[in-house]
Amino acid sequence: MKHKFITGFAFGTLATIATAALSVLAFKKSYIDPVETKVDEINENRRRAIRKSLGAHQG
């Protein structure tokens, strides 16, 4: 009886940790990564616009 409890407890603990890790990974992949990608695109467009505006006023 004691052996079954320890095995079940260990399995439940590992399953809970795995579930938590997978939910964090899924959240990162679906929300955080797209936001970071969008921020990078915005910054790149800003750099291009600054270079374009400085180039237009050089001559």
PDB file of N, CA and C in Angstrom:
ATOM      1  N   MET A   1       0.822  -1.196   0.000  1.00  0.00           N
ATOM      2  CA  MET A   1       0.000   0.000   0.000  1.00  0.00           C
ATOM      3  C   MET A   1       0.867   1.261   0.000  1.00  0.00           C
ATOM      4  N   LYS A   2       1.899   1.243   0.852  1.00  0.00           N
ATOM      5  CA  LYS A   2       2.772   2.409   0.951  1.00  0.00           C
ATOM      6  C   LYS A   2       3.511   2.645  -0.373  1.00  0.00           C
ATOM      7  N   HIS A   3       3.925   1.565  -1.018  1.00  0.00           N
ATOM      8  CA  HIS A   3       4.651   1.672  -2.281  1.00  0.00           C
ATOM      9  C   HIS A   3       3.769   2.306  -3.366  1.00  0.00           C
ATOM     10  N   LYS A   4       2.495   1.953  -3.398  1.00  0.00           N
ATOM     11  CA  LYS A   4       1.573   2.525  -4.383  1.00  0.00           C
ATOM     12  C   LYS A   4       1.371   4.011  -4.147  1.00  0.00           C
ATOM     13  N   PHE A   5       1.314   4.410  -2.886  1.00  0.00           N
ATOM     14  CA  PHE A   5       1.138   5.825  -2.576  1.00  0.00           C
ATOM     15  C   PHE A   5       2.348   6.632  -3.037  1.00  0.00           C
ATOM     16  N   ILE A   6       3.536   6.138  -2.750  1.00  0.00           N
ATOM     17  CA  ILE A   6       4.751   6.865  -3.132  1.00  0.00           C
ATOM     18  C   ILE A   6       4.867   6.948  -4.649  1.00  0.00           C
ATOM     19  N   THR A   7       4.575   5.865  -5.340  1.00  0.00           N
ATOM     20  CA  THR A   7       4.613   5.864  -6.804  1.00  0.00           C
ATOM     21  C   THR A   7       3.586   6.838  -7.374  1.00  0.00           C
ATOM     22  N   GLY A   8       2.396   6.805  -6.846  1.00  0.00           N
ATOM     23  CA  GLY A   8       1.352   7.722  -7.314  1.00  0.00           C
ATOM     24  C   GLY A   8       1.681   9.165  -7.024  1.00  0.00           C
ATOM     25  N   PHE A   9       2.245   9.418  -5.853  1.00  0.00           N
ATOM     26  CA  PHE A   9       2.618  10.778  -5.487  1.00  0.00           C
ATOM     27  C   PHE A   9       3.723  11.302  -6.402  1.00  0.00           C
ATOM     28  N   ALA A  10       4.718  10.454  -6.671  1.00  0.00           N
ATOM     29  CA  ALA A  10       5.819  10.855  -7.558  1.00  0.00           C
ATOM     30  C   ALA A  10       5.299  11.102  -8.969  1.00  0.00           C
ATOM     31  N   PHE A  11       4.444  10.223  -9.460  1.00  0.00           N
ATOM     32  CA  PHE A  11       3.889  10.405 -10.794  1.00  0.00           C
ATOM     33  C   PHE A  11       3.045  11.680 -10.873  1.00  0.00           C
ATOM     34  N   GLY A  12       2.236  11.927  -9.869  1.00  0.00           N
ATOM     35  CA  GLY A  12       1.408  13.134  -9.843  1.00  0.00           C
ATOM     36  C   GLY A  12       2.244  14.402  -9.799  1.00  0.00           C
ATOM     37  N   THR A  13       3.323  14.369  -9.024  1.00  0.00           N
ATOM     38  CA  THR A  13       4.208  15.527  -8.943  1.00  0.00           C
ATOM     39  C   THR A  13       4.874  15.798 -10.295  1.00  0.00           C
ATOM     40  N   LEU A  14       5.393  14.751 -10.919  1.00  0.00           N
ATOM     41  CA  LEU A  14       6.021  14.915 -12.227  1.00  0.00           C
ATOM     42  C   LEU A  14       5.016  15.384 -13.285  1.00  0.00           C
ATOM     43  N   ALA A  15       3.818  14.859 -13.242  1.00  0.00           N
ATOM     44  CA  ALA A  15       2.792  15.269 -14.204  1.00  0.00           C
ATOM     45  C   ALA A  15       2.424  16.736 -14.006  1.00  0.00           C
ATOM     46  N   THR A  16       2.345  17.183 -12.762  1.00  0.00           N
ATOM     47  CA  THR A  16       2.024  18.578 -12.486  1.00  0.00           C
ATOM     48  C   THR A  16       3.132  19.502 -12.965  1.00  0.00           C
ATOM     49  N   ILE A  17       4.374  19.119 -12.702  1.00  0.00           N
ATOM     50  CA  ILE A  17       5.504  19.943 -13.160  1.00  0.00           C
ATOM     51  C   ILE A  17       5.551  19.998 -14.678  1.00  0.00           C
ATOM     52  N   ALA A  18       5.331  18.871 -15.340  1.00  0.00           N
ATOM     53  CA  ALA A  18       5.336  18.842 -16.797  1.00  0.00           C
ATOM     54  C   ALA A  18       4.208  19.690 -17.373  1.00  0.00           C
ATOM     55  N   THR A  19       3.037  19.622 -16.770  1.00  0.00           N
ATOM     56  CA  THR A  19       1.905  20.426 -17.233  1.00  0.00           C
ATOM     57  C   THR A  19       2.190  21.912 -17.082  1.00  0.00           C
ATOM     58  N   ALA A  20       2.758  22.293 -15.957  1.00  0.00           N
ATOM     59  CA  ALA A  20       3.091  23.699 -15.734  1.00  0.00           C
ATOM     60  C   ALA A  20       4.136  24.174 -16.737  1.00  0.00           C
ATOM     61  N   ALA A  21       5.158  23.368 -16.979  1.00  0.00           N
ATOM     62  CA  ALA A  21       6.205  23.748 -17.926  1.00  0.00           C
ATOM     63  C   ALA A  21       5.646  23.881 -19.339  1.00  0.00           C
ATOM     64  N   LEU A  22       4.803  22.963 -19.730  1.00  0.00           N
ATOM     65  CA  LEU A  22       4.221  23.042 -21.070  1.00  0.00           C
ATOM     66  C   LEU A  22       3.282  24.229 -21.226  1.00  0.00           C
ATOM     67  N   SER A  23       2.552  24.579 -20.175  1.00  0.00           N
ATOM     68  CA  SER A  23       1.658  25.738 -20.279  1.00  0.00           C
ATOM     69  C   SER A  23       2.463  27.030 -20.369  1.00  0.00           C
ATOM     70  N   VAL A  24       3.573  27.116 -19.649  1.00  0.00           N
ATOM     71  CA  VAL A  24       4.433  28.304 -19.748  1.00  0.00           C
ATOM     72  C   VAL A  24       5.031  28.390 -21.142  1.00  0.00           C
ATOM     73  N   LEU A  25       5.486  27.270 -21.678  1.00  0.00           N
ATOM     74  CA  LEU A  25       6.053  27.255 -23.023  1.00  0.00           C
ATOM     75  C   LEU A  25       5.009  27.657 -24.067  1.00  0.00           C
ATOM     76  N   ALA A  26       3.800  27.150 -23.938  1.00  0.00           N
ATOM     77  CA  ALA A  26       2.735  27.491 -24.885  1.00  0.00           C
ATOM     78  C   ALA A  26       2.378  28.968 -24.791  1.00  0.00           C
ATOM     79  N   PHE A  27       2.327  29.513 -23.578  1.00  0.00           N
ATOM     80  CA  PHE A  27       2.037  30.931 -23.403  1.00  0.00           C
ATOM     81  C   PHE A  27       3.115  31.782 -24.051  1.00  0.00           C
ATOM     82  N   LYS A  28       4.375  31.411 -23.829  1.00  0.00           N
ATOM     83  CA  LYS A  28       5.484  32.162 -24.419  1.00  0.00           C
ATOM     84  C   LYS A  28       5.411  32.131 -25.930  1.00  0.00           C
ATOM     85  N   LYS A  29       5.147  30.955 -26.480  1.00  0.00           N
ATOM     86  CA  LYS A  29       5.131  30.799 -27.927  1.00  0.00           C
ATOM     87  C   LYS A  29       3.953  31.539 -28.568  1.00  0.00           C
ATOM     88  N   SER A  30       2.814  31.605 -27.895  1.00  0.00           N
ATOM     89  CA  SER A  30       1.640  32.212 -28.519  1.00  0.00           C
ATOM     90  C   SER A  30       1.475  33.692 -28.214  1.00  0.00           C
ATOM     91  N   TYR A  31       2.048  34.206 -27.131  1.00  0.00           N
ATOM     92  CA  TYR A  31       1.853  35.609 -26.784  1.00  0.00           C
ATOM     93  C   TYR A  31       3.140  36.421 -26.764  1.00  0.00           C
ATOM     94  N   ILE A  32       4.171  35.921 -26.123  1.00  0.00           N
ATOM     95  CA  ILE A  32       5.373  36.723 -25.928  1.00  0.00           C
ATOM     96  C   ILE A  32       6.200  36.829 -27.202  1.00  0.00           C
ATOM     97  N   ASP A  33       6.419  35.707 -27.900  1.00  0.00           N
ATOM     98  CA  ASP A  33       7.224  35.733 -29.118  1.00  0.00           C
ATOM     99  C   ASP A  33       6.632  36.626 -30.209  1.00  0.00           C
ATOM    100  N   PRO A  34       5.320  36.579 -30.490  1.00  0.00           N
ATOM    101  CA  PRO A  34       4.781  37.491 -31.508  1.00  0.00           C
ATOM    102  C   PRO A  34       4.934  38.965 -31.121  1.00  0.00           C
ATOM    103  N   VAL A  35       4.817  39.286 -29.849  1.00  0.00           N
ATOM    104  CA  VAL A  35       4.974  40.676 -29.420  1.00  0.00           C
ATOM    105  C   VAL A  35       6.411  41.123 -29.635  1.00  0.00           C
ATOM    106  N   GLU A  36       7.369  40.259 -29.287  1.00  0.00           N
ATOM    107  CA  GLU A  36       8.771  40.614 -29.497  1.00  0.00           C
ATOM    108  C   GLU A  36       9.083  40.773 -30.978  1.00  0.00           C
ATOM    109  N   THR A  37       8.501  39.919 -31.814  1.00  0.00           N
ATOM    110  CA  THR A  37       8.702  40.029 -33.256  1.00  0.00           C
ATOM    111  C   THR A  37       8.143  41.348 -33.774  1.00  0.00           C
ATOM    112  N   LYS A  38       6.972  41.731 -33.299  1.00  0.00           N
ATOM    113  CA  LYS A  38       6.360  42.982 -33.733  1.00  0.00           C
ATOM    114  C   LYS A  38       7.193  44.177 -33.286  1.00  0.00           C
ATOM    115  N   VAL A  39       7.725  44.133 -32.071  1.00  0.00           N
ATOM    116  CA  VAL A  39       8.570  45.220 -31.578  1.00  0.00           C
ATOM    117  C   VAL A  39       9.824  45.334 -32.437  1.00  0.00           C
ATOM    118  N   ASP A  40      10.416  44.207 -32.804  1.00  0.00           N
ATOM    119  CA  ASP A  40      11.598  44.230 -33.673  1.00  0.00           C
ATOM    120  C   ASP A  40      11.268  44.839 -35.036  1.00  0.00           C
ATOM    121  N   GLU A  41      10.110  44.489 -35.592  1.00  0.00           N
ATOM    122  CA  GLU A  41       9.700  45.059 -36.881  1.00  0.00           C
ATOM    123  C   GLU A  41       9.502  46.567 -36.768  1.00  0.00           C
ATOM    124  N   ILE A  42       8.880  47.009 -35.698  1.00  0.00           N
ATOM    125  CA  ILE A  42       8.650  48.446 -35.501  1.00  0.00           C
ATOM    126  C   ILE A  42       9.976  49.177 -35.380  1.00  0.00           C
ATOM    127  N   ASN A  43      10.909  48.616 -34.619  1.00  0.00           N
ATOM    128  CA  ASN A  43      12.213  49.258 -34.472  1.00  0.00           C
ATOM    129  C   ASN A  43      12.967  49.310 -35.795  1.00  0.00           C
ATOM    130  N   GLU A  44      12.890  48.260 -36.583  1.00  0.00           N
ATOM    131  CA  GLU A  44      13.550  48.257 -37.892  1.00  0.00           C
ATOM    132  C   GLU A  44      12.938  49.310 -38.807  1.00  0.00           C
ATOM    133  N   ASN A  45      11.622  49.428 -38.805  1.00  0.00           N
ATOM    134  CA  ASN A  45      10.968  50.458 -39.618  1.00  0.00           C
ATOM    135  C   ASN A  45      11.351  51.857 -39.141  1.00  0.00           C
ATOM    136  N   ARG A  46      11.479  52.036 -37.851  1.00  0.00           N
ATOM    137  CA  ARG A  46      11.883  53.329 -37.309  1.00  0.00           C
ATOM    138  C   ARG A  46      13.300  53.676 -37.764  1.00  0.00           C
ATOM    139  N   ARG A  47      14.205  52.690 -37.712  1.00  0.00           N
ATOM    140  CA  ARG A  47      15.581  52.944 -38.164  1.00  0.00           C
ATOM    141  C   ARG A  47      15.616  53.306 -39.642  1.00  0.00           C
ATOM    142  N   ARG A  48      14.833  52.584 -40.453  1.00  0.00           N
ATOM    143  CA  ARG A  48      14.782  52.891 -41.885  1.00  0.00           C
ATOM    144  C   ARG A  48      14.250  54.292 -42.125  1.00  0.00           C
ATOM    145  N   ALA A  49      13.224  54.685 -41.392  1.00  0.00           N
ATOM    146  CA  ALA A  49      12.636  56.017 -41.571  1.00  0.00           C
ATOM    147  C   ALA A  49      13.631  57.104 -41.174  1.00  0.00           C
ATOM    148  N   ILE A  50      14.373  56.880 -40.116  1.00  0.00           N
ATOM    149  CA  ILE A  50      15.373  57.870 -39.686  1.00  0.00           C
ATOM    150  C   ILE A  50      16.456  58.002 -40.750  1.00  0.00           C
ATOM    151  N   ARG A  51      16.944  56.884 -41.278  1.00  0.00           N
ATOM    152  CA  ARG A  51      17.973  56.946 -42.318  1.00  0.00           C
ATOM    153  C   ARG A  51      17.436  57.648 -43.557  1.00  0.00           C
ATOM    154  N   LYS A  52      16.197  57.382 -43.902  1.00  0.00           N
ATOM    155  CA  LYS A  52      15.598  57.998 -45.080  1.00  0.00           C
ATOM    156  C   LYS A  52      15.453  59.501 -44.889  1.00  0.00           C
ATOM    157  N   SER A  53      15.008  59.901 -43.694  1.00  0.00           N
ATOM    158  CA  SER A  53      14.807  61.334 -43.471  1.00  0.00           C
ATOM    159  C   SER A  53      16.143  62.080 -43.400  1.00  0.00           C
ATOM    160  N   LEU A  54      17.157  61.459 -42.835  1.00  0.00           N
ATOM    161  CA  LEU A  54      18.477  62.098 -42.787  1.00  0.00           C
ATOM    162  C   LEU A  54      19.084  62.179 -44.198  1.00  0.00           C
ATOM    163  N   GLY A  55      18.866  61.155 -44.989  1.00  0.00           N
ATOM    164  CA  GLY A  55      19.383  61.168 -46.356  1.00  0.00           C
ATOM    165  C   GLY A  55      18.684  62.209 -47.207  1.00  0.00           C
ATOM    166  N   ALA A  56      17.439  62.469 -46.957  1.00  0.00           N
ATOM    167  CA  ALA A  56      16.686  63.446 -47.744  1.00  0.00           C
ATOM    168  C   ALA A  56      17.149  64.866 -47.465  1.00  0.00           C
ATOM    169  N   HIS A  57      17.709  65.110 -46.292  1.00  0.00           N
ATOM    170  CA  HIS A  57      18.105  66.474 -45.913  1.00  0.00           C
ATOM    171  C   HIS A  57      19.603  66.727 -46.078  1.00  0.00           C
ATOM    172  N   GLN A  58      20.300  65.834 -46.752  1.00  0.00           N
ATOM    173  CA  GLN A  58      21.733  66.006 -46.913  1.00  0.00           C
ATOM    174  C   GLN A  58      22.099  66.902 -48.086  1.00  0.00           C
ATOM    175  N   GLY A  59      21.239  66.993 -49.049  1.00  0.00           N
ATOM    176  CA  GLY A  59      21.736  67.694 -50.205  1.00  0.00           C
ATOM    177  C   GLY A  59      20.875  68.730 -50.720  1.00  0.00           C
TER     178      GLY A  59
END
